[in-house]
Amino acid sequence: MAMFTARCPVCGRVELSAEQLRLVVRPSKSFYVFRCPNCDDSVRRPAGEKIVELLSDGGVASMKVAG
């Protein structure tokens, strides 16, 4: 199972599984979202091309949005 490190603005670095992340791919400004496993905050972080590729290859569910 792939594990990812992400940054929560409250808790700092957290470890997440692919199932805990969602990726939204847009022509501009893609992002990923997760609920922090420590503080339960909903977090949205920007995702450049490399992050999109890493998350996609790691099995993170994604949604493509036009515009």
N, C-alpha and C. Protein backbone atom coordinates (compact mmCIF):
# COMPACT_ATOMS: atom_id res chain seq x y z
N MET A 1 0.85 -1.18 0.00
CA MET A 1 0.00 0.00 0.00
C MET A 1 0.90 1.25 0.00
N ALA A 2 0.62 2.16 -0.91
CA ALA A 2 1.39 3.39 -0.99
C ALA A 2 1.02 4.32 0.16
N MET A 3 2.04 4.95 0.73
CA MET A 3 1.84 5.95 1.78
C MET A 3 2.43 7.26 1.29
N PHE A 4 1.79 8.35 1.67
CA PHE A 4 2.20 9.67 1.25
C PHE A 4 2.36 10.57 2.47
N THR A 5 3.26 11.52 2.37
CA THR A 5 3.43 12.52 3.40
C THR A 5 2.84 13.82 2.88
N ALA A 6 1.98 14.43 3.66
CA ALA A 6 1.36 15.70 3.29
C ALA A 6 1.48 16.65 4.47
N ARG A 7 1.16 17.91 4.24
CA ARG A 7 1.28 18.90 5.30
C ARG A 7 -0.09 19.43 5.70
N CYS A 8 -0.42 19.25 6.96
CA CYS A 8 -1.61 19.84 7.55
C CYS A 8 -1.19 21.19 8.14
N PRO A 9 -1.96 22.27 7.91
CA PRO A 9 -1.57 23.57 8.46
C PRO A 9 -1.61 23.62 9.98
N VAL A 10 -2.34 22.71 10.60
CA VAL A 10 -2.43 22.68 12.07
C VAL A 10 -1.39 21.74 12.67
N CYS A 11 -1.27 20.54 12.11
CA CYS A 11 -0.44 19.48 12.70
C CYS A 11 0.95 19.34 12.10
N GLY A 12 1.17 19.91 10.93
CA GLY A 12 2.44 19.69 10.25
C GLY A 12 2.36 18.45 9.37
N ARG A 13 3.45 17.73 9.28
CA ARG A 13 3.50 16.56 8.39
C ARG A 13 2.66 15.41 8.93
N VAL A 14 1.91 14.80 8.03
CA VAL A 14 1.10 13.63 8.38
C VAL A 14 1.29 12.57 7.30
N GLU A 15 1.14 11.32 7.69
CA GLU A 15 1.23 10.19 6.78
C GLU A 15 -0.19 9.78 6.38
N LEU A 16 -0.39 9.58 5.07
CA LEU A 16 -1.71 9.24 4.56
C LEU A 16 -1.61 8.10 3.56
N SER A 17 -2.62 7.26 3.54
CA SER A 17 -2.71 6.22 2.52
C SER A 17 -3.39 6.80 1.29
N ALA A 18 -3.30 6.10 0.18
CA ALA A 18 -3.95 6.55 -1.06
C ALA A 18 -5.45 6.70 -0.85
N GLU A 19 -6.05 5.88 -0.02
CA GLU A 19 -7.48 5.94 0.23
C GLU A 19 -7.89 7.19 1.00
N GLN A 20 -6.97 7.80 1.69
CA GLN A 20 -7.28 9.00 2.48
C GLN A 20 -7.16 10.29 1.67
N LEU A 21 -6.71 10.20 0.44
CA LEU A 21 -6.49 11.36 -0.42
C LEU A 21 -7.45 11.35 -1.59
N ARG A 22 -7.80 12.53 -2.09
CA ARG A 22 -8.57 12.70 -3.32
C ARG A 22 -7.86 13.76 -4.15
N LEU A 23 -7.75 13.51 -5.44
CA LEU A 23 -7.05 14.40 -6.35
C LEU A 23 -8.04 15.00 -7.33
N VAL A 24 -8.01 16.31 -7.50
CA VAL A 24 -8.85 17.00 -8.48
C VAL A 24 -7.91 17.59 -9.52
N VAL A 25 -8.06 17.09 -10.77
CA VAL A 25 -7.18 17.51 -11.86
C VAL A 25 -7.92 18.49 -12.73
N ARG A 26 -7.35 19.69 -12.85
CA ARG A 26 -7.94 20.76 -13.66
C ARG A 26 -6.87 21.24 -14.64
N PRO A 27 -7.28 21.84 -15.77
CA PRO A 27 -6.29 22.36 -16.71
C PRO A 27 -5.32 23.35 -16.04
N SER A 28 -5.83 24.07 -15.06
CA SER A 28 -4.96 24.95 -14.27
C SER A 28 -5.31 24.74 -12.80
N LYS A 29 -4.31 24.77 -11.96
CA LYS A 29 -4.50 24.70 -10.51
C LYS A 29 -5.17 23.42 -10.03
N SER A 30 -4.55 22.28 -10.28
CA SER A 30 -4.99 21.02 -9.70
C SER A 30 -4.72 21.05 -8.20
N PHE A 31 -5.41 20.19 -7.46
CA PHE A 31 -5.21 20.14 -6.01
C PHE A 31 -5.58 18.77 -5.48
N TYR A 32 -5.14 18.50 -4.25
CA TYR A 32 -5.56 17.28 -3.56
C TYR A 32 -6.15 17.68 -2.22
N VAL A 33 -7.03 16.82 -1.73
CA VAL A 33 -7.70 17.08 -0.46
C VAL A 33 -7.60 15.85 0.43
N PHE A 34 -7.62 16.10 1.73
CA PHE A 34 -7.63 15.02 2.70
C PHE A 34 -8.17 15.54 4.03
N ARG A 35 -8.59 14.63 4.86
CA ARG A 35 -8.99 14.96 6.23
C ARG A 35 -7.82 14.53 7.10
N CYS A 36 -7.29 15.46 7.87
CA CYS A 36 -6.13 15.18 8.70
C CYS A 36 -6.46 14.08 9.71
N PRO A 37 -5.62 13.05 9.76
CA PRO A 37 -5.89 11.96 10.70
C PRO A 37 -5.65 12.36 12.16
N ASN A 38 -4.97 13.47 12.39
CA ASN A 38 -4.69 13.91 13.77
C ASN A 38 -5.74 14.88 14.31
N CYS A 39 -6.03 15.93 13.53
CA CYS A 39 -6.93 16.98 14.04
C CYS A 39 -8.30 16.98 13.36
N ASP A 40 -8.48 16.16 12.34
CA ASP A 40 -9.75 15.99 11.62
C ASP A 40 -10.13 17.20 10.76
N ASP A 41 -9.20 18.14 10.56
CA ASP A 41 -9.48 19.27 9.66
C ASP A 41 -9.48 18.80 8.21
N SER A 42 -10.28 19.44 7.40
CA SER A 42 -10.27 19.20 5.96
C SER A 42 -9.18 20.10 5.36
N VAL A 43 -8.29 19.50 4.58
CA VAL A 43 -7.14 20.22 4.04
C VAL A 43 -7.15 20.15 2.52
N ARG A 44 -6.88 21.28 1.89
CA ARG A 44 -6.76 21.35 0.43
C ARG A 44 -5.38 21.92 0.11
N ARG A 45 -4.63 21.19 -0.72
CA ARG A 45 -3.27 21.59 -1.07
C ARG A 45 -3.12 21.63 -2.59
N PRO A 46 -2.33 22.57 -3.12
CA PRO A 46 -2.11 22.63 -4.56
C PRO A 46 -1.30 21.43 -5.04
N ALA A 47 -1.52 21.05 -6.30
CA ALA A 47 -0.80 19.90 -6.86
C ALA A 47 -0.30 20.26 -8.26
N GLY A 48 1.00 20.44 -8.37
CA GLY A 48 1.61 20.66 -9.67
C GLY A 48 1.66 19.35 -10.46
N GLU A 49 2.21 19.42 -11.65
CA GLU A 49 2.24 18.25 -12.54
C GLU A 49 2.92 17.05 -11.90
N LYS A 50 4.03 17.27 -11.22
CA LYS A 50 4.76 16.15 -10.59
C LYS A 50 3.93 15.51 -9.48
N ILE A 51 3.28 16.32 -8.66
CA ILE A 51 2.45 15.78 -7.58
C ILE A 51 1.27 15.01 -8.16
N VAL A 52 0.64 15.55 -9.21
CA VAL A 52 -0.47 14.84 -9.86
C VAL A 52 -0.01 13.47 -10.34
N GLU A 53 1.16 13.43 -10.96
CA GLU A 53 1.70 12.16 -11.47
C GLU A 53 1.99 11.18 -10.33
N LEU A 54 2.63 11.66 -9.27
CA LEU A 54 2.95 10.78 -8.14
C LEU A 54 1.70 10.23 -7.46
N LEU A 55 0.72 11.09 -7.23
CA LEU A 55 -0.51 10.64 -6.58
C LEU A 55 -1.28 9.67 -7.47
N SER A 56 -1.36 9.99 -8.74
CA SER A 56 -2.07 9.11 -9.69
C SER A 56 -1.40 7.74 -9.76
N ASP A 57 -0.08 7.75 -9.90
CA ASP A 57 0.67 6.49 -9.96
C ASP A 57 0.56 5.70 -8.66
N GLY A 58 0.34 6.40 -7.55
CA GLY A 58 0.24 5.75 -6.25
C GLY A 58 -1.16 5.25 -5.91
N GLY A 59 -2.10 5.40 -6.84
CA GLY A 59 -3.44 4.86 -6.64
C GLY A 59 -4.45 5.79 -6.00
N VAL A 60 -4.14 7.09 -5.92
CA VAL A 60 -5.09 8.05 -5.34
C VAL A 60 -6.23 8.27 -6.32
N ALA A 61 -7.45 8.20 -5.84
CA ALA A 61 -8.63 8.44 -6.67
C ALA A 61 -8.60 9.87 -7.18
N SER A 62 -8.90 10.04 -8.47
CA SER A 62 -8.87 11.38 -9.04
C SER A 62 -10.14 11.69 -9.80
N MET A 63 -10.38 12.97 -9.93
CA MET A 63 -11.53 13.47 -10.68
C MET A 63 -11.02 14.56 -11.60
N LYS A 64 -11.32 14.46 -12.88
CA LYS A 64 -10.92 15.48 -13.84
C LYS A 64 -12.06 16.47 -14.00
N VAL A 65 -11.72 17.75 -13.91
CA VAL A 65 -12.71 18.82 -13.99
C VAL A 65 -12.32 19.75 -15.13
N ALA A 66 -13.26 20.06 -15.99
CA ALA A 66 -12.99 21.00 -17.07
C ALA A 66 -12.99 22.42 -16.53
N GLY A 67 -12.11 23.23 -17.08
CA GLY A 67 -12.09 24.66 -16.73
C GLY A 67 -11.43 24.98 -15.51
